[in-house]
C-alpha atoms as a PDB file:
ATOM      1  CA  MET A   1     100.917 199.524 -28.992  1.00  0.00           C
ATOM      2  CA  HIS A   2      98.827 200.487 -31.998  1.00  0.00           C
ATOM      3  CA  ASP A   3      96.958 203.150 -30.015  1.00  0.00           C
ATOM      4  CA  LEU A   4     100.244 204.582 -28.779  1.00  0.00           C
ATOM      5  CA  ARG A   5     101.691 204.715 -32.292  1.00  0.00           C
ATOM      6  CA  ARG A   6      98.584 206.431 -33.685  1.00  0.00           C
ATOM      7  CA  GLY A   7      97.529 208.802 -30.966  1.00  0.00           C
ATOM      8  CA  GLY A   8     100.462 209.182 -28.643  1.00  0.00           C
ATOM      9  CA  SER A   9      98.477 208.210 -25.563  1.00  0.00           C
ATOM     10  CA  PHE A  10      95.316 206.398 -24.489  1.00  0.00           C
ATOM     11  CA  ASP A  11      91.913 207.933 -24.061  1.00  0.00           C
ATOM     12  CA  GLU A  12      90.308 207.503 -20.641  1.00  0.00           C
ATOM     13  CA  ALA A  13      88.224 204.497 -21.697  1.00  0.00           C
ATOM     14  CA  ARG A  14      91.254 202.629 -23.073  1.00  0.00           C
ATOM     15  CA  ARG A  15      93.314 203.537 -19.992  1.00  0.00           C
ATOM     16  CA  ALA A  16      90.553 202.211 -17.700  1.00  0.00           C
ATOM     17  CA  GLU A  17      90.322 199.015 -19.770  1.00  0.00           C
ATOM     18  CA  LEU A  18      94.083 198.508 -19.540  1.00  0.00           C
ATOM     19  CA  GLU A  19      94.046 198.989 -15.757  1.00  0.00           C
ATOM     20  CA  GLU A  20      91.129 196.583 -15.361  1.00  0.00           C
ATOM     21  CA  ARG A  21      92.814 193.908 -17.452  1.00  0.00           C
ATOM     22  CA  TRP A  22      96.150 194.380 -15.684  1.00  0.00           C
ATOM     23  CA  SER A  23      94.483 194.016 -12.274  1.00  0.00           C
ATOM     24  CA  ALA A  24      92.740 190.818 -13.406  1.00  0.00           C
ATOM     25  CA  TYR A  25      96.029 189.481 -14.753  1.00  0.00           C
ATOM     26  CA  VAL A  26      97.839 190.181 -11.460  1.00  0.00           C
ATOM     27  CA  VAL A  27      95.188 188.204  -9.573  1.00  0.00           C
ATOM     28  CA  GLN A  28      95.353 185.307 -12.044  1.00  0.00           C
ATOM     29  CA  HIS A  29      99.151 185.263 -11.892  1.00  0.00           C
ATOM     30  CA  ALA A  30      99.082 185.111  -8.093  1.00  0.00           C
ATOM     31  CA  GLU A  31      96.551 182.276  -8.241  1.00  0.00           C
ATOM     32  CA  SER A  32      98.736 180.374 -10.696  1.00  0.00           C
ATOM     33  CA  HIS A  33     101.436 180.139  -8.028  1.00  0.00           C
ATOM     34  CA  MET A  34      99.075 177.956  -6.020  1.00  0.00           C
ATOM     35  CA  ILE A  35      98.317 175.453  -8.780  1.00  0.00           C
ATOM     36  CA  VAL A  36     101.202 175.114 -11.232  1.00  0.00           C
ATOM     37  CA  SER A  37     103.907 172.536 -10.738  1.00  0.00           C
ATOM     38  CA  ASP A  38     107.482 173.308  -9.752  1.00  0.00           C
ATOM     39  CA  ALA A  39     108.529 172.590 -13.357  1.00  0.00           C
ATOM     40  CA  VAL A  40     106.125 175.186 -14.770  1.00  0.00           C
ATOM     41  CA  LEU A  41     106.647 177.897 -12.152  1.00  0.00           C
ATOM     42  CA  PRO A  42     109.940 179.315 -13.542  1.00  0.00           C
ATOM     43  CA  VAL A  43     108.452 179.555 -17.033  1.00  0.00           C
ATOM     44  CA  VAL A  44     105.413 181.353 -15.601  1.00  0.00           C
ATOM     45  CA  GLY A  45     107.835 183.734 -13.885  1.00  0.00           C
ATOM     46  CA  ALA A  46     109.697 184.427 -17.116  1.00  0.00           C
ATOM     47  CA  ALA A  47     106.461 185.266 -18.958  1.00  0.00           C
ATOM     48  CA  ASN A  48     105.325 187.425 -16.036  1.00  0.00           C
ATOM     49  CA  GLY A  49     108.623 189.323 -16.042  1.00  0.00           C
ATOM     50  CA  SER A  50     108.192 190.095 -19.727  1.00  0.00           C
ATOM     51  CA  LEU A  51     104.612 191.249 -19.208  1.00  0.00           C
ATOM     52  CA  ARG A  52     105.600 193.493 -16.294  1.00  0.00           C
ATOM     53  CA  LYS A  53     108.297 195.170 -18.400  1.00  0.00           C
ATOM     54  CA  ILE A  54     105.852 195.665 -21.260  1.00  0.00           C
ATOM     55  CA  TYR A  55     103.287 197.142 -18.885  1.00  0.00           C
ATOM     56  CA  GLY A  56     105.890 199.556 -17.517  1.00  0.00           C
ATOM     57  CA  LEU A  57     106.856 200.659 -21.032  1.00  0.00           C
ATOM     58  CA  VAL A  58     103.204 201.176 -21.939  1.00  0.00           C
ATOM     59  CA  GLN A  59     102.687 203.270 -18.802  1.00  0.00           C
ATOM     60  CA  ARG A  60     105.715 205.464 -19.614  1.00  0.00           C
ATOM     61  CA  LEU A  61     104.629 205.891 -23.218  1.00  0.00           C
ATOM     62  CA  ASP A  62     101.093 206.809 -22.190  1.00  0.00           C
ATOM     63  CA  SER A  63     102.359 209.387 -19.715  1.00  0.00           C
ATOM     64  CA  GLY A  64     104.665 210.966 -22.295  1.00  0.00           C
ATOM     65  CA  GLN A  65     107.692 210.571 -20.008  1.00  0.00           C
ATOM     66  CA  SER A  66     109.964 208.786 -22.431  1.00  0.00           C
ATOM     67  CA  ASP A  67     111.951 208.954 -25.633  1.00  0.00           C
ATOM     68  CA  ARG A  68     108.949 208.040 -27.731  1.00  0.00           C
ATOM     69  CA  GLU A  69     110.518 206.407 -30.795  1.00  0.00           C
ATOM     70  CA  GLU A  70     113.115 204.490 -28.807  1.00  0.00           C
ATOM     71  CA  GLU A  71     110.501 203.266 -26.318  1.00  0.00           C
ATOM     72  CA  LEU A  72     108.143 202.186 -29.123  1.00  0.00           C
ATOM     73  CA  GLN A  73     110.944 200.151 -30.678  1.00  0.00           C
ATOM     74  CA  GLU A  74     111.709 198.623 -27.285  1.00  0.00           C
ATOM     75  CA  LEU A  75     108.023 197.822 -26.794  1.00  0.00           C
ATOM     76  CA  SER A  76     107.874 196.084 -30.174  1.00  0.00           C
ATOM     77  CA  ARG A  77     110.980 194.040 -29.345  1.00  0.00           C
ATOM     78  CA  ARG A  78     109.602 193.054 -25.948  1.00  0.00           C
ATOM     79  CA  VAL A  79     106.249 191.993 -27.429  1.00  0.00           C
ATOM     80  CA  ASP A  80     108.102 189.741 -29.876  1.00  0.00           C
ATOM     81  CA  ASP A  81     110.088 188.301 -26.957  1.00  0.00           C
ATOM     82  CA  LEU A  82     106.857 187.787 -25.008  1.00  0.00           C
ATOM     83  CA  TRP A  83     105.466 185.537 -27.740  1.00  0.00           C
ATOM     84  CA  GLU A  84     108.538 183.323 -27.394  1.00  0.00           C
ATOM     85  CA  ARG A  85     108.071 183.153 -23.625  1.00  0.00           C
ATOM     86  CA  LEU A  86     104.367 182.370 -23.988  1.00  0.00           C
ATOM     87  CA  THR A  87     105.199 179.586 -26.436  1.00  0.00           C
ATOM     88  CA  ALA A  88     107.726 178.193 -23.959  1.00  0.00           C
ATOM     89  CA  LEU A  89     105.092 178.399 -21.211  1.00  0.00           C
ATOM     90  CA  ARG A  90     102.535 176.560 -23.319  1.00  0.00           C
ATOM     91  CA  ASP A  91     105.069 173.874 -24.211  1.00  0.00           C
ATOM     92  CA  GLU A  92     106.152 173.388 -20.584  1.00  0.00           C
ATOM     93  CA  MET A  93     102.543 173.176 -19.423  1.00  0.00           C
ATOM     94  CA  ARG A  94     101.803 170.537 -22.093  1.00  0.00           C
ATOM     95  CA  ARG A  95     104.855 168.522 -21.003  1.00  0.00           C
ATOM     96  CA  ASP A  96     103.814 168.851 -17.378  1.00  0.00           C
ATOM     97  CA  LEU A  97     100.347 167.537 -18.193  1.00  0.00           C
ATOM     98  CA  GLY A  98     101.835 164.657 -20.161  1.00  0.00           C
ATOM     99  CA  ILE A  99     100.119 165.781 -23.352  1.00  0.00           C
ATOM    100  CA  THR A 100     103.342 166.006 -25.296  1.00  0.00           C
ATOM    101  CA  GLY A 101     106.981 165.103 -24.979  1.00  0.00           C
ATOM    102  CA  ARG A 102     109.860 167.295 -25.986  1.00  0.00           C
ATOM    103  CA  VAL A 103     108.802 170.108 -28.310  1.00  0.00           C
ATOM    104  CA  GLU A 104     111.077 171.183 -31.143  1.00  0.00           C
ATOM    105  CA  ALA A 105     111.001 174.838 -32.117  1.00  0.00           C
ATOM    106  CA  PRO A 106     110.012 175.368 -35.743  1.00  0.00           C
ATOM    107  CA  SER A 107     112.911 176.195 -38.045  1.00  0.00           C
ATOM    108  CA  ARG A 108     112.946 179.743 -39.339  1.00  0.00           C
END
């Protein structure tokens, strides 16, 4: 997001790094379907859905095929939402492992 705000698009090295990391993530996500419990699977899916939307926004921004300012704001909002989903995923995984009971969200 910072690269897109500063430069408008990625250089070839950053683009290649993004593609490599995305490919590794896709493989890890597919593997997670084989090992996570039924209780954790929907939370994994919610986090994955957020990541896929973020990745799509990043791709559009990098290609220049979007309303730049609006898409950057949407990207920022989705990244904030992703943190909430990742927190929920962590909490559900901890419950599933029996490490913790019910987790209360911190008051804001």
